[in-house]
Amino acid sequence: MNLPADFEHPAWMTAASTVGSYLLILVSMTILLFGVPYALFTALV
């Protein structure tokens, strides 16, 4: 299987942007759902 050497096609940018945005959402949700309660619990105890 020959991979294309040209990664300038808009589909590659779309795929990279999709993966990046999903990772950003995953990190922010992890911080909100686990980091914030942990910080509040340790600050109050």
N, C-alpha and C. Protein backbone atom coordinates (compact mmCIF):
# COMPACT_ATOMS: atom_id res chain seq x y z
N MET A 1 0.85 -1.18 0.00
CA MET A 1 0.00 0.00 0.00
C MET A 1 0.88 1.23 0.00
N ASN A 2 0.66 2.11 -0.95
CA ASN A 2 1.45 3.32 -1.06
C ASN A 2 0.69 4.48 -0.41
N LEU A 3 1.30 5.08 0.59
CA LEU A 3 0.68 6.24 1.23
C LEU A 3 0.99 7.48 0.42
N PRO A 4 0.06 8.40 0.34
CA PRO A 4 0.33 9.63 -0.41
C PRO A 4 1.36 10.48 0.32
N ALA A 5 2.27 11.04 -0.44
CA ALA A 5 3.31 11.88 0.13
C ALA A 5 2.82 13.30 0.37
N ASP A 6 1.70 13.66 -0.24
CA ASP A 6 1.18 15.01 -0.13
C ASP A 6 0.15 15.08 1.00
N PHE A 7 0.52 15.71 2.10
CA PHE A 7 -0.39 15.85 3.23
C PHE A 7 -1.03 17.24 3.27
N GLU A 8 -1.04 17.93 2.15
CA GLU A 8 -1.61 19.27 2.07
C GLU A 8 -3.08 19.24 1.66
N HIS A 9 -3.62 18.08 1.44
CA HIS A 9 -5.02 17.97 1.03
C HIS A 9 -5.93 18.41 2.18
N PRO A 10 -7.02 19.10 1.89
CA PRO A 10 -7.91 19.58 2.96
C PRO A 10 -8.47 18.46 3.85
N ALA A 11 -8.56 17.25 3.34
CA ALA A 11 -9.07 16.15 4.16
C ALA A 11 -8.14 15.85 5.32
N TRP A 12 -6.83 15.98 5.12
CA TRP A 12 -5.88 15.74 6.20
C TRP A 12 -6.00 16.81 7.27
N MET A 13 -6.20 18.05 6.86
CA MET A 13 -6.37 19.14 7.82
C MET A 13 -7.68 18.95 8.60
N THR A 14 -8.71 18.50 7.93
CA THR A 14 -9.98 18.24 8.59
C THR A 14 -9.84 17.12 9.61
N ALA A 15 -9.17 16.05 9.23
CA ALA A 15 -8.97 14.93 10.14
C ALA A 15 -8.14 15.35 11.35
N ALA A 16 -7.07 16.10 11.12
CA ALA A 16 -6.22 16.56 12.23
C ALA A 16 -6.99 17.51 13.15
N SER A 17 -7.80 18.38 12.58
CA SER A 17 -8.60 19.31 13.39
C SER A 17 -9.64 18.56 14.21
N THR A 18 -10.23 17.53 13.62
CA THR A 18 -11.22 16.74 14.35
C THR A 18 -10.59 16.02 15.53
N VAL A 19 -9.46 15.39 15.30
CA VAL A 19 -8.76 14.69 16.38
C VAL A 19 -8.33 15.68 17.46
N GLY A 20 -7.79 16.83 17.05
CA GLY A 20 -7.37 17.83 18.02
C GLY A 20 -8.51 18.37 18.85
N SER A 21 -9.64 18.60 18.22
CA SER A 21 -10.78 19.13 18.97
C SER A 21 -11.35 18.09 19.92
N TYR A 22 -11.39 16.84 19.49
CA TYR A 22 -11.86 15.78 20.40
C TYR A 22 -10.92 15.64 21.59
N LEU A 23 -9.62 15.71 21.36
CA LEU A 23 -8.68 15.63 22.47
C LEU A 23 -8.83 16.81 23.42
N LEU A 24 -9.06 18.00 22.87
CA LEU A 24 -9.26 19.18 23.71
C LEU A 24 -10.53 19.03 24.56
N ILE A 25 -11.59 18.54 23.97
CA ILE A 25 -12.83 18.32 24.72
C ILE A 25 -12.62 17.25 25.79
N LEU A 26 -11.91 16.18 25.46
CA LEU A 26 -11.66 15.11 26.42
C LEU A 26 -10.84 15.60 27.61
N VAL A 27 -9.82 16.40 27.35
CA VAL A 27 -9.00 16.93 28.43
C VAL A 27 -9.81 17.89 29.30
N SER A 28 -10.58 18.76 28.69
CA SER A 28 -11.36 19.72 29.47
C SER A 28 -12.44 19.02 30.30
N MET A 29 -13.09 18.01 29.75
CA MET A 29 -14.09 17.27 30.51
C MET A 29 -13.46 16.49 31.65
N THR A 30 -12.26 15.94 31.44
CA THR A 30 -11.56 15.23 32.50
C THR A 30 -11.21 16.17 33.63
N ILE A 31 -10.74 17.36 33.30
CA ILE A 31 -10.41 18.35 34.33
C ILE A 31 -11.67 18.77 35.08
N LEU A 32 -12.74 19.02 34.35
CA LEU A 32 -13.98 19.46 35.00
C LEU A 32 -14.59 18.37 35.87
N LEU A 33 -14.59 17.13 35.40
CA LEU A 33 -15.28 16.07 36.11
C LEU A 33 -14.44 15.42 37.21
N PHE A 34 -13.11 15.49 37.11
CA PHE A 34 -12.27 14.84 38.10
C PHE A 34 -11.35 15.82 38.82
N GLY A 35 -10.80 16.78 38.12
CA GLY A 35 -9.85 17.70 38.74
C GLY A 35 -10.50 18.69 39.69
N VAL A 36 -11.61 19.27 39.27
CA VAL A 36 -12.29 20.27 40.10
C VAL A 36 -12.85 19.64 41.38
N PRO A 37 -13.56 18.52 41.32
CA PRO A 37 -14.02 17.92 42.58
C PRO A 37 -12.87 17.49 43.49
N TYR A 38 -11.80 16.99 42.92
CA TYR A 38 -10.64 16.60 43.73
C TYR A 38 -10.04 17.82 44.42
N ALA A 39 -9.90 18.92 43.69
CA ALA A 39 -9.35 20.14 44.28
C ALA A 39 -10.26 20.68 45.38
N LEU A 40 -11.57 20.66 45.14
CA LEU A 40 -12.51 21.12 46.18
C LEU A 40 -12.47 20.23 47.41
N PHE A 41 -12.41 18.93 47.20
CA PHE A 41 -12.37 18.01 48.33
C PHE A 41 -11.10 18.17 49.15
N THR A 42 -9.96 18.31 48.48
CA THR A 42 -8.71 18.46 49.22
C THR A 42 -8.62 19.82 49.90
N ALA A 43 -9.28 20.83 49.35
CA ALA A 43 -9.24 22.15 49.96
C ALA A 43 -10.13 22.21 51.20
N LEU A 44 -11.21 21.44 51.21
CA LEU A 44 -12.15 21.47 52.33
C LEU A 44 -11.77 20.50 53.45
N VAL A 45 -10.96 19.51 53.14
CA VAL A 45 -10.60 18.51 54.16
C VAL A 45 -9.27 18.81 54.80
